[in-house]
């Protein structure tokens, strides 16, 4: 991505959303919980088109924690897709992953990060990693397109090998900073 083009949408030719989809299939992910997010839009479309993946659109992110824990207890693997602003909604519910030793891989697109125009996104964007870590989540960042697939792969593996919450934070340099016409 051109570092001078921080206000552009993600490159339509970028392969990382498709690489994430391939990883979901490789790891036999059968359920995807999400609050719609432009940063995950291509991945969401791929999942919706796959009859082997159950996609559940949530009204708020913490519902995904309960949904995916139920999926795990019922024999399915799942992932939670969300934006960093939704992480704050999940904090209390993340305690369930520890109590019940349930895997909880999360793929988080960042806001309040590189090139953000909206001051309301800055506090949660700055706190996302430390807040997740305070709740015992293993967190890794991917700030280049090349880092995304290996980082997501590690996040999924760690969740299901250690029975705990894990997260990949996908940096705003990768997905592009939203401007909503403020450029």
N, C-alpha and C. Protein backbone atom coordinates (compact mmCIF):
# COMPACT_ATOMS: atom_id res chain seq x y z
N UNK A 1 0.85 -1.19 0.00
CA UNK A 1 0.00 0.00 0.00
C UNK A 1 0.88 1.23 0.00
N UNK A 2 0.53 2.22 -0.78
CA UNK A 2 1.25 3.48 -0.85
C UNK A 2 1.09 4.22 0.47
N UNK A 3 2.21 4.52 1.20
CA UNK A 3 2.09 5.18 2.50
C UNK A 3 1.48 6.56 2.41
N UNK A 4 1.46 7.16 1.22
CA UNK A 4 0.85 8.48 1.05
C UNK A 4 -0.64 8.39 0.78
N UNK A 5 -1.16 7.19 0.67
CA UNK A 5 -2.56 7.00 0.32
C UNK A 5 -3.35 6.46 1.51
N UNK A 6 -3.12 7.01 2.67
CA UNK A 6 -3.76 6.49 3.87
C UNK A 6 -5.26 6.69 3.89
N UNK A 7 -5.77 7.58 3.06
CA UNK A 7 -7.20 7.85 3.07
C UNK A 7 -7.97 7.03 2.05
N UNK A 8 -7.28 6.12 1.37
CA UNK A 8 -7.95 5.31 0.36
C UNK A 8 -8.47 4.02 0.97
N UNK A 9 -9.49 3.48 0.33
CA UNK A 9 -10.02 2.17 0.73
C UNK A 9 -8.98 1.11 0.44
N UNK A 10 -9.07 -0.05 1.08
CA UNK A 10 -8.13 -1.12 0.79
C UNK A 10 -8.11 -1.45 -0.70
N UNK A 11 -6.94 -1.78 -1.20
CA UNK A 11 -6.74 -2.13 -2.59
C UNK A 11 -7.61 -3.34 -2.94
N UNK A 12 -8.41 -3.21 -3.99
CA UNK A 12 -9.29 -4.31 -4.39
C UNK A 12 -8.50 -5.53 -4.81
N UNK A 13 -7.24 -5.34 -5.21
CA UNK A 13 -6.40 -6.46 -5.63
C UNK A 13 -5.67 -7.11 -4.45
N UNK A 14 -5.79 -6.54 -3.27
CA UNK A 14 -5.10 -7.11 -2.10
C UNK A 14 -5.56 -8.54 -1.88
N UNK A 15 -4.62 -9.41 -1.59
CA UNK A 15 -4.96 -10.83 -1.45
C UNK A 15 -5.24 -11.26 -0.01
N UNK A 16 -4.98 -10.38 0.96
CA UNK A 16 -5.09 -10.83 2.36
C UNK A 16 -6.50 -11.26 2.77
N UNK A 17 -7.59 -10.63 2.30
CA UNK A 17 -8.91 -11.16 2.71
C UNK A 17 -9.13 -12.59 2.22
N UNK A 18 -8.65 -12.89 1.02
CA UNK A 18 -8.79 -14.24 0.48
C UNK A 18 -7.88 -15.22 1.22
N UNK A 19 -6.72 -14.75 1.64
CA UNK A 19 -5.82 -15.60 2.43
C UNK A 19 -6.45 -15.93 3.79
N UNK A 20 -7.12 -14.96 4.39
CA UNK A 20 -7.82 -15.23 5.65
C UNK A 20 -8.93 -16.26 5.43
N UNK A 21 -9.70 -16.08 4.37
CA UNK A 21 -10.76 -17.04 4.05
C UNK A 21 -10.18 -18.45 3.91
N UNK A 22 -9.08 -18.57 3.17
CA UNK A 22 -8.43 -19.87 3.00
C UNK A 22 -8.01 -20.46 4.35
N UNK A 23 -7.54 -19.62 5.26
CA UNK A 23 -7.16 -20.09 6.60
C UNK A 23 -8.39 -20.57 7.39
N UNK A 24 -9.51 -19.87 7.24
CA UNK A 24 -10.73 -20.31 7.91
C UNK A 24 -11.11 -21.72 7.44
N UNK A 25 -10.99 -21.95 6.16
CA UNK A 25 -11.30 -23.28 5.61
C UNK A 25 -10.27 -24.30 6.10
N UNK A 26 -9.00 -23.96 6.07
CA UNK A 26 -7.94 -24.87 6.51
C UNK A 26 -8.14 -25.31 7.96
N UNK A 27 -8.56 -24.37 8.80
CA UNK A 27 -8.75 -24.66 10.23
C UNK A 27 -10.16 -25.16 10.55
N UNK A 28 -10.93 -25.43 9.50
CA UNK A 28 -12.29 -25.98 9.65
C UNK A 28 -13.19 -25.09 10.49
N UNK A 29 -13.09 -23.80 10.26
CA UNK A 29 -13.98 -22.83 10.91
C UNK A 29 -15.35 -22.97 10.27
N UNK A 30 -16.36 -23.23 11.09
CA UNK A 30 -17.72 -23.42 10.57
C UNK A 30 -18.66 -22.29 10.93
N UNK A 31 -18.25 -21.43 11.88
CA UNK A 31 -19.13 -20.32 12.26
C UNK A 31 -18.32 -19.03 12.31
N UNK A 32 -18.90 -17.98 11.75
CA UNK A 32 -18.31 -16.65 11.77
C UNK A 32 -19.35 -15.70 12.34
N UNK A 33 -18.98 -15.04 13.42
CA UNK A 33 -19.86 -14.05 14.04
C UNK A 33 -19.27 -12.67 13.75
N UNK A 34 -20.14 -11.70 13.46
CA UNK A 34 -19.62 -10.38 13.07
C UNK A 34 -20.63 -9.28 13.25
N UNK A 35 -20.10 -8.09 13.45
CA UNK A 35 -20.85 -6.86 13.24
C UNK A 35 -20.29 -6.31 11.93
N UNK A 36 -21.13 -6.00 10.93
CA UNK A 36 -20.62 -5.59 9.63
C UNK A 36 -19.56 -4.50 9.74
N UNK A 37 -18.50 -4.65 8.92
CA UNK A 37 -17.35 -3.76 8.97
C UNK A 37 -16.74 -3.69 7.57
N UNK A 38 -16.50 -2.49 7.08
CA UNK A 38 -15.93 -2.31 5.74
C UNK A 38 -14.56 -2.97 5.62
N UNK A 39 -13.76 -2.95 6.68
CA UNK A 39 -12.44 -3.55 6.63
C UNK A 39 -12.47 -5.05 6.39
N UNK A 40 -13.53 -5.70 6.81
CA UNK A 40 -13.68 -7.14 6.62
C UNK A 40 -14.63 -7.47 5.47
N UNK A 41 -15.05 -6.49 4.68
CA UNK A 41 -16.15 -6.69 3.73
C UNK A 41 -15.91 -7.83 2.74
N UNK A 42 -14.73 -7.91 2.15
CA UNK A 42 -14.50 -8.99 1.18
C UNK A 42 -14.49 -10.35 1.87
N UNK A 43 -13.90 -10.45 3.03
CA UNK A 43 -13.90 -11.70 3.79
C UNK A 43 -15.34 -12.09 4.15
N UNK A 44 -16.13 -11.13 4.57
CA UNK A 44 -17.53 -11.39 4.91
C UNK A 44 -18.28 -11.93 3.70
N UNK A 45 -18.08 -11.31 2.54
CA UNK A 45 -18.76 -11.78 1.32
C UNK A 45 -18.36 -13.20 0.97
N UNK A 46 -17.09 -13.53 1.14
CA UNK A 46 -16.62 -14.89 0.87
C UNK A 46 -17.29 -15.88 1.82
N UNK A 47 -17.39 -15.52 3.08
CA UNK A 47 -18.01 -16.41 4.06
C UNK A 47 -19.51 -16.58 3.79
N UNK A 48 -20.17 -15.49 3.44
CA UNK A 48 -21.61 -15.57 3.13
C UNK A 48 -21.89 -16.46 1.92
N UNK A 49 -20.96 -16.49 0.98
CA UNK A 49 -21.14 -17.30 -0.23
C UNK A 49 -20.82 -18.78 -0.01
N UNK A 50 -20.29 -19.12 1.14
CA UNK A 50 -19.87 -20.49 1.45
C UNK A 50 -20.96 -21.19 2.26
N UNK A 51 -21.59 -22.19 1.68
CA UNK A 51 -22.67 -22.91 2.37
C UNK A 51 -22.19 -23.75 3.55
N UNK A 52 -20.88 -23.93 3.70
CA UNK A 52 -20.34 -24.70 4.82
C UNK A 52 -20.03 -23.82 6.03
N UNK A 53 -20.17 -22.50 5.88
CA UNK A 53 -19.91 -21.57 6.98
C UNK A 53 -21.22 -20.90 7.38
N UNK A 54 -21.52 -20.93 8.66
CA UNK A 54 -22.69 -20.23 9.19
C UNK A 54 -22.22 -18.84 9.60
N UNK A 55 -22.79 -17.82 8.99
CA UNK A 55 -22.45 -16.43 9.31
C UNK A 55 -23.60 -15.85 10.12
N UNK A 56 -23.26 -15.31 11.28
CA UNK A 56 -24.27 -14.68 12.13
C UNK A 56 -23.93 -13.21 12.29
N UNK A 57 -24.86 -12.36 11.85
CA UNK A 57 -24.69 -10.92 12.02
C UNK A 57 -25.22 -10.55 13.40
N UNK A 58 -24.38 -9.90 14.18
CA UNK A 58 -24.69 -9.56 15.57
C UNK A 58 -25.21 -8.13 15.67
N UNK A 59 -25.92 -7.84 16.74
CA UNK A 59 -26.30 -6.45 17.01
C UNK A 59 -25.21 -5.76 17.83
N UNK A 60 -24.43 -6.53 18.57
CA UNK A 60 -23.30 -5.99 19.32
C UNK A 60 -22.27 -7.11 19.50
N UNK A 61 -21.02 -6.74 19.58
CA UNK A 61 -19.92 -7.70 19.50
C UNK A 61 -19.92 -8.73 20.62
N UNK A 62 -20.33 -8.35 21.83
CA UNK A 62 -20.27 -9.33 22.92
C UNK A 62 -21.19 -10.52 22.70
N UNK A 63 -22.22 -10.34 21.89
CA UNK A 63 -23.07 -11.49 21.53
C UNK A 63 -22.24 -12.58 20.85
N UNK A 64 -21.23 -12.16 20.13
CA UNK A 64 -20.37 -13.12 19.42
C UNK A 64 -19.60 -14.02 20.37
N UNK A 65 -19.22 -13.48 21.53
CA UNK A 65 -18.50 -14.29 22.51
C UNK A 65 -19.38 -15.45 22.95
N UNK A 66 -20.61 -15.15 23.33
CA UNK A 66 -21.53 -16.20 23.78
C UNK A 66 -21.87 -17.16 22.65
N UNK A 67 -22.13 -16.63 21.47
CA UNK A 67 -22.48 -17.46 20.32
C UNK A 67 -21.36 -18.45 20.01
N UNK A 68 -20.12 -17.97 19.96
CA UNK A 68 -19.01 -18.84 19.58
C UNK A 68 -18.63 -19.82 20.69
N UNK A 69 -18.89 -19.45 21.94
CA UNK A 69 -18.67 -20.42 23.01
C UNK A 69 -19.69 -21.55 22.91
N UNK A 70 -20.91 -21.19 22.60
CA UNK A 70 -21.92 -22.23 22.38
C UNK A 70 -21.58 -23.10 21.19
N UNK A 71 -21.07 -22.49 20.13
CA UNK A 71 -20.65 -23.26 18.95
C UNK A 71 -19.56 -24.26 19.34
N UNK A 72 -18.57 -23.80 20.12
CA UNK A 72 -17.48 -24.67 20.55
C UNK A 72 -18.02 -25.84 21.39
N UNK A 73 -18.89 -25.53 22.32
CA UNK A 73 -19.46 -26.59 23.16
C UNK A 73 -20.29 -27.57 22.34
N UNK A 74 -20.83 -27.08 21.21
CA UNK A 74 -21.59 -27.94 20.31
C UNK A 74 -20.76 -28.63 19.25
N UNK A 75 -19.44 -28.42 19.28
CA UNK A 75 -18.56 -29.12 18.36
C UNK A 75 -18.10 -28.35 17.14
N UNK A 76 -18.42 -27.06 17.04
CA UNK A 76 -17.99 -26.24 15.90
C UNK A 76 -16.90 -25.26 16.32
N UNK A 77 -16.03 -24.96 15.36
CA UNK A 77 -15.04 -23.91 15.55
C UNK A 77 -15.58 -22.63 14.91
N UNK A 78 -15.27 -21.49 15.54
CA UNK A 78 -15.72 -20.22 15.00
C UNK A 78 -14.71 -19.12 15.23
N UNK A 79 -14.92 -18.00 14.55
CA UNK A 79 -14.13 -16.79 14.76
C UNK A 79 -15.07 -15.60 14.87
N UNK A 80 -14.58 -14.57 15.55
CA UNK A 80 -15.32 -13.32 15.72
C UNK A 80 -14.61 -12.24 14.92
N UNK A 81 -15.33 -11.60 14.00
CA UNK A 81 -14.81 -10.47 13.22
C UNK A 81 -15.39 -9.20 13.78
N UNK A 82 -14.53 -8.22 14.03
CA UNK A 82 -15.04 -6.95 14.54
C UNK A 82 -14.04 -5.84 14.29
N UNK A 83 -14.49 -4.63 14.53
CA UNK A 83 -13.67 -3.43 14.47
C UNK A 83 -13.19 -3.13 15.89
N UNK A 84 -12.09 -2.42 16.00
CA UNK A 84 -11.53 -2.14 17.33
C UNK A 84 -12.51 -1.40 18.24
N UNK A 85 -13.39 -0.60 17.68
CA UNK A 85 -14.36 0.11 18.52
C UNK A 85 -15.32 -0.86 19.21
N UNK A 86 -15.47 -2.08 18.69
CA UNK A 86 -16.33 -3.07 19.32
C UNK A 86 -15.66 -3.87 20.42
N UNK A 87 -14.34 -3.77 20.51
CA UNK A 87 -13.62 -4.53 21.55
C UNK A 87 -14.11 -4.13 22.94
N UNK A 88 -14.36 -2.84 23.15
CA UNK A 88 -14.82 -2.38 24.45
C UNK A 88 -16.12 -3.03 24.88
N UNK A 89 -16.94 -3.44 23.91
CA UNK A 89 -18.20 -4.10 24.24
C UNK A 89 -18.01 -5.54 24.73
N UNK A 90 -16.85 -6.11 24.48
CA UNK A 90 -16.62 -7.54 24.75
C UNK A 90 -15.91 -7.84 26.06
N UNK A 91 -15.41 -6.83 26.74
CA UNK A 91 -14.49 -7.06 27.85
C UNK A 91 -15.08 -7.98 28.92
N UNK A 92 -16.25 -7.71 29.42
CA UNK A 92 -16.83 -8.55 30.47
C UNK A 92 -17.06 -9.98 29.98
N UNK A 93 -17.53 -10.12 28.77
CA UNK A 93 -17.84 -11.44 28.23
C UNK A 93 -16.59 -12.28 28.01
N UNK A 94 -15.43 -11.64 27.79
CA UNK A 94 -14.21 -12.40 27.57
C UNK A 94 -13.83 -13.25 28.79
N UNK A 95 -14.32 -12.89 29.95
CA UNK A 95 -14.04 -13.71 31.14
C UNK A 95 -14.58 -15.12 30.97
N UNK A 96 -15.64 -15.30 30.18
CA UNK A 96 -16.22 -16.63 29.97
C UNK A 96 -15.24 -17.57 29.28
N UNK A 97 -14.43 -17.02 28.36
CA UNK A 97 -13.45 -17.86 27.68
C UNK A 97 -12.46 -18.46 28.66
N UNK A 98 -12.09 -17.67 29.67
CA UNK A 98 -11.16 -18.17 30.68
C UNK A 98 -11.83 -19.17 31.61
N UNK A 99 -13.00 -18.84 32.07
CA UNK A 99 -13.71 -19.72 33.02
C UNK A 99 -13.97 -21.08 32.40
N UNK A 100 -14.39 -21.09 31.14
CA UNK A 100 -14.79 -22.34 30.49
C UNK A 100 -13.72 -22.91 29.56
N UNK A 101 -12.55 -22.25 29.49
CA UNK A 101 -11.44 -22.69 28.64
C UNK A 101 -11.91 -22.94 27.20
N UNK A 102 -12.60 -21.93 26.64
CA UNK A 102 -13.08 -22.01 25.27
C UNK A 102 -12.21 -21.15 24.36
N UNK A 103 -11.81 -21.69 23.22
CA UNK A 103 -11.07 -20.89 22.25
C UNK A 103 -11.93 -19.73 21.75
N UNK A 104 -11.30 -18.58 21.52
CA UNK A 104 -12.04 -17.42 21.03
C UNK A 104 -11.12 -16.60 20.11
N UNK A 105 -10.89 -17.07 18.86
CA UNK A 105 -10.08 -16.26 17.95
C UNK A 105 -10.87 -15.06 17.44
N UNK A 106 -10.24 -13.90 17.50
CA UNK A 106 -10.87 -12.65 17.05
C UNK A 106 -9.98 -12.00 16.00
N UNK A 107 -10.59 -11.51 14.94
CA UNK A 107 -9.88 -10.77 13.90
C UNK A 107 -10.43 -9.35 13.94
N UNK A 108 -9.57 -8.41 14.32
CA UNK A 108 -10.01 -7.06 14.64
C UNK A 108 -9.38 -6.06 13.66
N UNK A 109 -10.22 -5.36 12.91
CA UNK A 109 -9.72 -4.27 12.07
C UNK A 109 -9.65 -3.01 12.93
N UNK A 110 -8.54 -2.30 12.80
CA UNK A 110 -8.29 -1.17 13.68
C UNK A 110 -8.89 0.13 13.15
N UNK A 111 -9.40 0.91 14.09
CA UNK A 111 -9.76 2.32 13.91
C UNK A 111 -9.00 3.08 14.98
N UNK A 112 -8.94 4.40 14.86
CA UNK A 112 -8.22 5.19 15.85
C UNK A 112 -6.73 4.94 15.77
N UNK A 113 -6.28 4.52 14.63
CA UNK A 113 -4.91 4.10 14.39
C UNK A 113 -4.31 5.06 13.36
N UNK A 114 -3.50 4.58 12.51
CA UNK A 114 -2.76 5.37 11.52
C UNK A 114 -3.68 6.17 10.60
N UNK A 115 -3.61 7.49 10.67
CA UNK A 115 -4.36 8.36 9.76
C UNK A 115 -5.82 8.57 10.11
N UNK A 116 -6.26 8.21 11.29
CA UNK A 116 -7.67 8.34 11.67
C UNK A 116 -8.12 9.79 11.65
N UNK A 117 -9.32 10.04 11.11
CA UNK A 117 -9.87 11.39 11.09
C UNK A 117 -10.87 11.63 12.22
N UNK A 118 -11.44 10.57 12.78
CA UNK A 118 -12.52 10.70 13.74
C UNK A 118 -11.96 10.66 15.16
N UNK A 119 -11.99 11.78 15.89
CA UNK A 119 -11.42 11.79 17.24
C UNK A 119 -12.09 10.82 18.21
N UNK A 120 -13.34 10.45 17.96
CA UNK A 120 -14.02 9.51 18.85
C UNK A 120 -13.45 8.10 18.74
N UNK A 121 -12.75 7.79 17.65
CA UNK A 121 -12.17 6.45 17.48
C UNK A 121 -10.80 6.32 18.15
N UNK A 122 -10.15 7.42 18.46
CA UNK A 122 -8.78 7.40 18.97
C UNK A 122 -8.65 6.68 20.33
N UNK A 123 -9.48 6.98 21.33
CA UNK A 123 -9.27 6.32 22.63
C UNK A 123 -9.33 4.79 22.58
N UNK A 124 -10.34 4.23 21.95
CA UNK A 124 -10.43 2.77 21.90
C UNK A 124 -9.37 2.19 20.99
N UNK A 125 -9.05 2.89 19.90
CA UNK A 125 -7.99 2.42 19.03
C UNK A 125 -6.66 2.34 19.77
N UNK A 126 -6.39 3.33 20.60
CA UNK A 126 -5.15 3.34 21.37
C UNK A 126 -5.15 2.28 22.47
N UNK A 127 -6.32 1.93 22.98
CA UNK A 127 -6.41 1.01 24.12
C UNK A 127 -6.68 -0.44 23.74
N UNK A 128 -7.02 -0.70 22.49
CA UNK A 128 -7.48 -2.03 22.10
C UNK A 128 -6.54 -3.15 22.55
N UNK A 129 -5.28 -3.05 22.20
CA UNK A 129 -4.36 -4.14 22.53
C UNK A 129 -4.20 -4.32 24.04
N UNK A 130 -4.01 -3.22 24.76
CA UNK A 130 -3.80 -3.36 26.21
C UNK A 130 -5.05 -3.84 26.93
N UNK A 131 -6.22 -3.44 26.46
CA UNK A 131 -7.47 -3.89 27.08
C UNK A 131 -7.66 -5.39 26.86
N UNK A 132 -7.42 -5.86 25.63
CA UNK A 132 -7.53 -7.29 25.36
C UNK A 132 -6.52 -8.08 26.19
N UNK A 133 -5.30 -7.58 26.27
CA UNK A 133 -4.28 -8.28 27.04
C UNK A 133 -4.61 -8.30 28.53
N UNK A 134 -5.22 -7.23 29.03
CA UNK A 134 -5.63 -7.19 30.43
C UNK A 134 -6.66 -8.27 30.74
N UNK A 135 -7.42 -8.68 29.74
CA UNK A 135 -8.41 -9.75 29.91
C UNK A 135 -7.85 -11.13 29.57
N UNK A 136 -6.52 -11.20 29.41
CA UNK A 136 -5.88 -12.49 29.17
C UNK A 136 -5.86 -12.95 27.73
N UNK A 137 -6.16 -12.07 26.81
CA UNK A 137 -6.16 -12.41 25.39
C UNK A 137 -4.74 -12.32 24.85
N UNK A 138 -4.32 -13.32 24.08
CA UNK A 138 -3.04 -13.27 23.39
C UNK A 138 -3.24 -12.44 22.12
N UNK A 139 -2.49 -11.36 21.99
CA UNK A 139 -2.71 -10.40 20.90
C UNK A 139 -1.47 -10.31 20.02
N UNK A 140 -1.70 -10.31 18.71
CA UNK A 140 -0.65 -10.08 17.72
C UNK A 140 -1.15 -9.04 16.74
N UNK A 141 -0.23 -8.21 16.22
CA UNK A 141 -0.58 -7.17 15.25
C UNK A 141 -0.08 -7.54 13.87
N UNK A 142 -0.83 -7.13 12.86
CA UNK A 142 -0.42 -7.25 11.46
C UNK A 142 -0.54 -5.86 10.85
N UNK A 143 0.58 -5.26 10.57
CA UNK A 143 0.59 -3.89 10.04
C UNK A 143 1.03 -3.80 8.59
N UNK A 144 1.27 -4.95 7.97
CA UNK A 144 1.54 -4.99 6.53
C UNK A 144 0.72 -6.13 5.94
N UNK A 145 0.37 -6.04 4.67
CA UNK A 145 -0.41 -7.13 4.07
C UNK A 145 0.30 -8.49 4.18
N UNK A 146 1.62 -8.48 4.11
CA UNK A 146 2.38 -9.72 4.17
C UNK A 146 2.32 -10.37 5.55
N UNK A 147 2.06 -9.59 6.58
CA UNK A 147 1.99 -10.12 7.95
C UNK A 147 0.64 -10.75 8.28
N UNK A 148 -0.39 -10.43 7.51
CA UNK A 148 -1.73 -10.82 7.92
C UNK A 148 -1.93 -12.34 7.95
N UNK A 149 -1.65 -13.05 6.86
CA UNK A 149 -1.92 -14.49 6.83
C UNK A 149 -1.14 -15.24 7.91
N UNK A 150 0.18 -15.04 8.06
CA UNK A 150 0.86 -15.80 9.12
C UNK A 150 0.39 -15.42 10.53
N UNK A 151 0.01 -14.16 10.72
CA UNK A 151 -0.45 -13.73 12.03
C UNK A 151 -1.83 -14.31 12.34
N UNK A 152 -2.72 -14.29 11.38
CA UNK A 152 -4.05 -14.90 11.57
C UNK A 152 -3.92 -16.40 11.79
N UNK A 153 -3.06 -17.05 11.02
CA UNK A 153 -2.84 -18.48 11.21
C UNK A 153 -2.38 -18.76 12.64
N UNK A 154 -1.42 -17.98 13.13
CA UNK A 154 -0.93 -18.16 14.50
C UNK A 154 -2.03 -17.89 15.52
N UNK A 155 -2.85 -16.88 15.28
CA UNK A 155 -3.94 -16.53 16.20
C UNK A 155 -4.95 -17.67 16.30
N UNK A 156 -5.32 -18.25 15.17
CA UNK A 156 -6.29 -19.35 15.18
C UNK A 156 -5.67 -20.57 15.87
N UNK A 157 -4.43 -20.89 15.52
CA UNK A 157 -3.77 -22.04 16.15
C UNK A 157 -3.67 -21.87 17.67
N UNK A 158 -3.24 -20.68 18.12
CA UNK A 158 -3.10 -20.45 19.56
C UNK A 158 -4.43 -20.59 20.28
N UNK A 159 -5.50 -20.08 19.67
CA UNK A 159 -6.82 -20.18 20.31
C UNK A 159 -7.21 -21.63 20.54
N UNK A 160 -7.09 -22.44 19.49
CA UNK A 160 -7.56 -23.82 19.59
C UNK A 160 -6.55 -24.75 20.26
N UNK A 161 -5.30 -24.37 20.31
CA UNK A 161 -4.30 -25.19 21.02
C UNK A 161 -4.24 -24.87 22.51
N UNK A 162 -4.60 -23.64 22.89
CA UNK A 162 -4.48 -23.23 24.30
C UNK A 162 -5.82 -22.99 24.96
N UNK A 163 -6.91 -23.09 24.21
CA UNK A 163 -8.27 -22.93 24.74
C UNK A 163 -8.44 -21.58 25.43
N UNK A 164 -8.14 -20.51 24.72
CA UNK A 164 -8.22 -19.17 25.29
C UNK A 164 -8.53 -18.16 24.20
N UNK A 165 -8.84 -16.92 24.58
CA UNK A 165 -9.07 -15.88 23.58
C UNK A 165 -7.74 -15.43 22.96
N UNK A 166 -7.78 -15.20 21.66
CA UNK A 166 -6.63 -14.68 20.92
C UNK A 166 -7.16 -13.63 19.94
N UNK A 167 -6.28 -12.75 19.50
CA UNK A 167 -6.71 -11.71 18.56
C UNK A 167 -5.59 -11.32 17.63
N UNK A 168 -5.94 -11.10 16.38
CA UNK A 168 -5.07 -10.43 15.42
C UNK A 168 -5.65 -9.04 15.21
N UNK A 169 -4.83 -8.02 15.42
CA UNK A 169 -5.22 -6.65 15.14
C UNK A 169 -4.68 -6.30 13.76
N UNK A 170 -5.57 -5.98 12.83
CA UNK A 170 -5.18 -5.63 11.47
C UNK A 170 -5.12 -4.11 11.40
N UNK A 171 -3.90 -3.58 11.28
CA UNK A 171 -3.66 -2.14 11.37
C UNK A 171 -4.31 -1.33 10.27
N UNK A 172 -4.55 -0.08 10.59
CA UNK A 172 -5.20 0.84 9.66
C UNK A 172 -4.33 1.15 8.45
N UNK A 173 -3.02 0.95 8.56
CA UNK A 173 -2.16 1.12 7.38
C UNK A 173 -2.52 0.11 6.30
N UNK A 174 -3.00 -1.05 6.71
CA UNK A 174 -3.36 -2.10 5.76
C UNK A 174 -4.75 -1.84 5.17
N UNK A 175 -5.72 -1.55 6.03
CA UNK A 175 -7.10 -1.42 5.54
C UNK A 175 -7.42 -0.03 5.01
N UNK A 176 -6.59 0.96 5.34
CA UNK A 176 -6.84 2.32 4.90
C UNK A 176 -7.64 3.08 5.94
N UNK A 177 -7.36 4.35 6.05
CA UNK A 177 -8.07 5.20 6.99
C UNK A 177 -9.34 5.72 6.33
N UNK A 178 -10.45 5.62 7.04
CA UNK A 178 -11.72 6.15 6.54
C UNK A 178 -11.70 7.66 6.65
N UNK A 179 -12.29 8.33 5.68
CA UNK A 179 -12.37 9.79 5.73
C UNK A 179 -13.79 10.31 5.74
N UNK A 180 -14.73 9.54 5.19
CA UNK A 180 -16.12 9.97 5.08
C UNK A 180 -16.23 11.40 4.54
N UNK A 181 -15.43 11.67 3.50
CA UNK A 181 -15.48 12.97 2.83
C UNK A 181 -14.78 14.09 3.55
N UNK A 182 -13.99 13.78 4.57
CA UNK A 182 -13.30 14.82 5.36
C UNK A 182 -11.91 15.11 4.82
N UNK A 183 -11.59 14.66 3.61
CA UNK A 183 -10.25 14.86 3.07
C UNK A 183 -10.06 16.15 2.37
